[in-house]
Amino acid sequence: MIETVVALCMFMMPENKLIEHRIQTDYKTCLSMKRESMRNSSGGTDYRCGKVMAVIELNIDGSKSIKKIVKSKDEQEN
């Protein structure tokens, strides 16, 4: 199923390549997780929070995860 969710995305720099994404409950949680990730990072990665349209997968435990990002908020506005 496709949903719009808040996601914390991790990019490998300098290629700016998306390597991981996680659903967050809201922007506040996302920004908190971003700060924690940046503190624990050894560098070479960039973390960004944003609203994305994504293909969502339902896990066995009932939680949701992003299978594939279809569009970011910036792309949706254009």
N, C-alpha and C. Protein backbone atom coordinates (compact mmCIF):
# COMPACT_ATOMS: atom_id res chain seq x y z
N MET A 1 0.84 -1.16 0.00
CA MET A 1 0.00 0.00 0.00
C MET A 1 0.89 1.24 0.00
N ILE A 2 0.40 2.33 -0.55
CA ILE A 2 1.15 3.58 -0.62
C ILE A 2 0.56 4.56 0.39
N GLU A 3 1.44 5.16 1.22
CA GLU A 3 1.04 6.12 2.24
C GLU A 3 2.02 7.28 2.26
N THR A 4 1.56 8.42 2.79
CA THR A 4 2.45 9.53 3.06
C THR A 4 2.84 9.45 4.53
N VAL A 5 4.15 9.39 4.78
CA VAL A 5 4.67 9.23 6.14
C VAL A 5 5.84 10.18 6.37
N VAL A 6 6.18 10.39 7.65
CA VAL A 6 7.38 11.12 8.01
C VAL A 6 8.50 10.09 8.09
N ALA A 7 9.61 10.38 7.41
CA ALA A 7 10.71 9.42 7.37
C ALA A 7 12.03 10.08 7.75
N LEU A 8 12.85 9.32 8.45
CA LEU A 8 14.24 9.70 8.70
C LEU A 8 15.06 8.96 7.67
N CYS A 9 15.74 9.72 6.81
CA CYS A 9 16.52 9.12 5.73
C CYS A 9 18.01 9.35 5.96
N MET A 10 18.80 8.33 5.69
CA MET A 10 20.25 8.42 5.82
C MET A 10 20.87 8.39 4.43
N PHE A 11 21.70 9.38 4.15
CA PHE A 11 22.36 9.50 2.85
C PHE A 11 23.86 9.34 3.01
N MET A 12 24.49 8.62 2.09
CA MET A 12 25.94 8.49 2.05
C MET A 12 26.50 9.66 1.27
N MET A 13 27.44 10.36 1.88
CA MET A 13 28.04 11.52 1.23
C MET A 13 29.41 11.14 0.69
N PRO A 14 29.97 11.77 -0.31
CA PRO A 14 29.45 12.93 -1.03
C PRO A 14 28.53 12.57 -2.19
N GLU A 15 28.25 11.28 -2.39
CA GLU A 15 27.38 10.87 -3.51
C GLU A 15 25.93 11.27 -3.32
N ASN A 16 25.55 11.58 -2.07
CA ASN A 16 24.17 11.91 -1.73
C ASN A 16 23.23 10.74 -2.07
N LYS A 17 23.71 9.52 -1.79
CA LYS A 17 22.97 8.30 -2.11
C LYS A 17 22.17 7.84 -0.90
N LEU A 18 20.86 7.65 -1.09
CA LEU A 18 19.98 7.18 -0.03
C LEU A 18 20.33 5.73 0.30
N ILE A 19 20.65 5.47 1.57
CA ILE A 19 21.02 4.10 1.93
C ILE A 19 20.10 3.48 2.98
N GLU A 20 19.32 4.31 3.68
CA GLU A 20 18.40 3.76 4.67
C GLU A 20 17.28 4.75 4.95
N HIS A 21 16.09 4.22 5.29
CA HIS A 21 14.95 5.07 5.64
C HIS A 21 14.09 4.37 6.68
N ARG A 22 13.60 5.16 7.63
CA ARG A 22 12.78 4.63 8.72
C ARG A 22 11.56 5.52 8.94
N ILE A 23 10.41 4.90 9.14
CA ILE A 23 9.18 5.65 9.44
C ILE A 23 9.29 6.20 10.87
N GLN A 24 8.88 7.46 11.03
CA GLN A 24 8.82 8.09 12.35
C GLN A 24 7.38 8.51 12.60
N THR A 25 7.00 8.60 13.86
CA THR A 25 5.61 8.92 14.19
C THR A 25 5.25 10.36 13.86
N ASP A 26 6.23 11.28 14.00
CA ASP A 26 5.99 12.70 13.72
C ASP A 26 7.33 13.40 13.54
N TYR A 27 7.29 14.70 13.19
CA TYR A 27 8.52 15.46 12.96
C TYR A 27 9.36 15.59 14.23
N LYS A 28 8.72 15.77 15.38
CA LYS A 28 9.44 15.92 16.64
C LYS A 28 10.30 14.69 16.91
N THR A 29 9.71 13.52 16.76
CA THR A 29 10.44 12.26 16.96
C THR A 29 11.54 12.12 15.92
N CYS A 30 11.22 12.48 14.68
CA CYS A 30 12.20 12.37 13.60
C CYS A 30 13.42 13.25 13.89
N LEU A 31 13.19 14.48 14.30
CA LEU A 31 14.30 15.40 14.58
C LEU A 31 15.13 14.92 15.77
N SER A 32 14.48 14.34 16.75
CA SER A 32 15.18 13.78 17.91
C SER A 32 16.07 12.61 17.48
N MET A 33 15.54 11.73 16.66
CA MET A 33 16.31 10.58 16.16
C MET A 33 17.45 11.05 15.25
N LYS A 34 17.20 12.10 14.48
CA LYS A 34 18.23 12.67 13.60
C LYS A 34 19.40 13.18 14.44
N ARG A 35 19.11 13.94 15.50
CA ARG A 35 20.18 14.46 16.37
C ARG A 35 20.98 13.32 17.00
N GLU A 36 20.28 12.30 17.48
CA GLU A 36 20.96 11.16 18.09
C GLU A 36 21.83 10.43 17.07
N SER A 37 21.32 10.24 15.86
CA SER A 37 22.08 9.57 14.81
C SER A 37 23.31 10.35 14.42
N MET A 38 23.18 11.68 14.34
CA MET A 38 24.31 12.52 13.97
C MET A 38 25.40 12.49 15.05
N ARG A 39 24.99 12.44 16.32
CA ARG A 39 25.97 12.36 17.42
C ARG A 39 26.75 11.05 17.37
N ASN A 40 26.07 9.96 16.98
CA ASN A 40 26.69 8.63 16.96
C ASN A 40 27.37 8.30 15.64
N SER A 41 27.27 9.20 14.67
CA SER A 41 27.83 8.97 13.34
C SER A 41 29.32 9.30 13.33
N SER A 42 30.06 8.53 12.55
CA SER A 42 31.49 8.78 12.42
C SER A 42 31.78 9.74 11.27
N GLY A 43 30.75 10.27 10.63
CA GLY A 43 30.92 11.19 9.51
C GLY A 43 30.67 10.46 8.19
N GLY A 44 30.57 11.23 7.14
CA GLY A 44 30.33 10.64 5.83
C GLY A 44 28.87 10.33 5.56
N THR A 45 28.00 10.66 6.52
CA THR A 45 26.57 10.44 6.32
C THR A 45 25.80 11.71 6.65
N ASP A 46 24.66 11.85 6.01
CA ASP A 46 23.78 12.99 6.24
C ASP A 46 22.40 12.43 6.57
N TYR A 47 21.75 12.98 7.58
CA TYR A 47 20.43 12.52 8.00
C TYR A 47 19.42 13.63 7.71
N ARG A 48 18.26 13.26 7.17
CA ARG A 48 17.22 14.23 6.85
C ARG A 48 15.85 13.68 7.22
N CYS A 49 15.01 14.57 7.76
CA CYS A 49 13.63 14.24 8.05
C CYS A 49 12.76 14.84 6.96
N GLY A 50 11.72 14.13 6.57
CA GLY A 50 10.81 14.69 5.58
C GLY A 50 9.58 13.84 5.39
N LYS A 51 8.59 14.46 4.80
CA LYS A 51 7.35 13.76 4.47
C LYS A 51 7.55 13.13 3.09
N VAL A 52 7.29 11.84 2.99
CA VAL A 52 7.47 11.11 1.73
C VAL A 52 6.26 10.25 1.43
N MET A 53 6.04 10.02 0.15
CA MET A 53 5.04 9.05 -0.28
C MET A 53 5.82 7.77 -0.52
N ALA A 54 5.41 6.69 0.18
CA ALA A 54 6.19 5.47 0.13
C ALA A 54 5.32 4.23 0.05
N VAL A 55 5.91 3.18 -0.51
CA VAL A 55 5.28 1.86 -0.50
C VAL A 55 5.56 1.31 0.90
N ILE A 56 4.50 1.01 1.63
CA ILE A 56 4.60 0.56 3.02
C ILE A 56 4.37 -0.94 3.10
N GLU A 57 5.16 -1.56 3.94
CA GLU A 57 5.07 -3.00 4.17
C GLU A 57 4.65 -3.23 5.62
N LEU A 58 3.69 -4.08 5.84
CA LEU A 58 3.24 -4.41 7.19
C LEU A 58 4.06 -5.60 7.69
N ASN A 59 4.73 -5.42 8.83
CA ASN A 59 5.57 -6.46 9.41
C ASN A 59 4.73 -7.45 10.22
N ILE A 60 5.31 -8.57 10.54
CA ILE A 60 4.62 -9.62 11.29
C ILE A 60 4.11 -9.10 12.63
N ASP A 61 4.88 -8.21 13.28
CA ASP A 61 4.50 -7.70 14.60
C ASP A 61 3.49 -6.55 14.52
N GLY A 62 3.02 -6.21 13.31
CA GLY A 62 2.02 -5.16 13.14
C GLY A 62 2.61 -3.79 12.86
N SER A 63 3.93 -3.66 12.99
CA SER A 63 4.57 -2.37 12.69
C SER A 63 4.70 -2.20 11.18
N LYS A 64 4.97 -0.96 10.77
CA LYS A 64 5.11 -0.66 9.35
C LYS A 64 6.54 -0.29 9.03
N SER A 65 6.96 -0.59 7.81
CA SER A 65 8.28 -0.17 7.35
C SER A 65 8.17 0.28 5.89
N ILE A 66 9.14 1.11 5.50
CA ILE A 66 9.17 1.62 4.14
C ILE A 66 9.86 0.61 3.24
N LYS A 67 9.18 0.19 2.22
CA LYS A 67 9.77 -0.72 1.25
C LYS A 67 10.46 0.09 0.15
N LYS A 68 9.81 1.19 -0.28
CA LYS A 68 10.37 2.01 -1.35
C LYS A 68 9.76 3.40 -1.27
N ILE A 69 10.60 4.44 -1.41
CA ILE A 69 10.10 5.81 -1.46
C ILE A 69 9.71 6.13 -2.89
N VAL A 70 8.47 6.58 -3.06
CA VAL A 70 7.95 6.91 -4.38
C VAL A 70 8.22 8.38 -4.70
N LYS A 71 7.91 9.27 -3.75
CA LYS A 71 8.11 10.72 -3.93
C LYS A 71 8.42 11.37 -2.61
N SER A 72 9.27 12.40 -2.67
CA SER A 72 9.50 13.20 -1.48
C SER A 72 8.52 14.37 -1.48
N LYS A 73 8.40 15.07 -0.38
CA LYS A 73 7.49 16.21 -0.28
C LYS A 73 7.81 17.24 -1.36
N ASP A 74 9.11 17.52 -1.58
CA ASP A 74 9.51 18.50 -2.59
C ASP A 74 9.03 18.10 -3.98
N GLU A 75 9.12 16.82 -4.30
CA GLU A 75 8.66 16.34 -5.61
C GLU A 75 7.15 16.42 -5.73
N GLN A 76 6.42 16.19 -4.61
CA GLN A 76 4.97 16.22 -4.63
C GLN A 76 4.44 17.61 -4.91
N GLU A 77 5.17 18.65 -4.44
CA GLU A 77 4.71 20.03 -4.60
C GLU A 77 4.90 20.54 -6.02
N ASN A 78 5.82 19.97 -6.78
CA ASN A 78 6.07 20.43 -8.16
C ASN A 78 5.02 19.96 -9.13
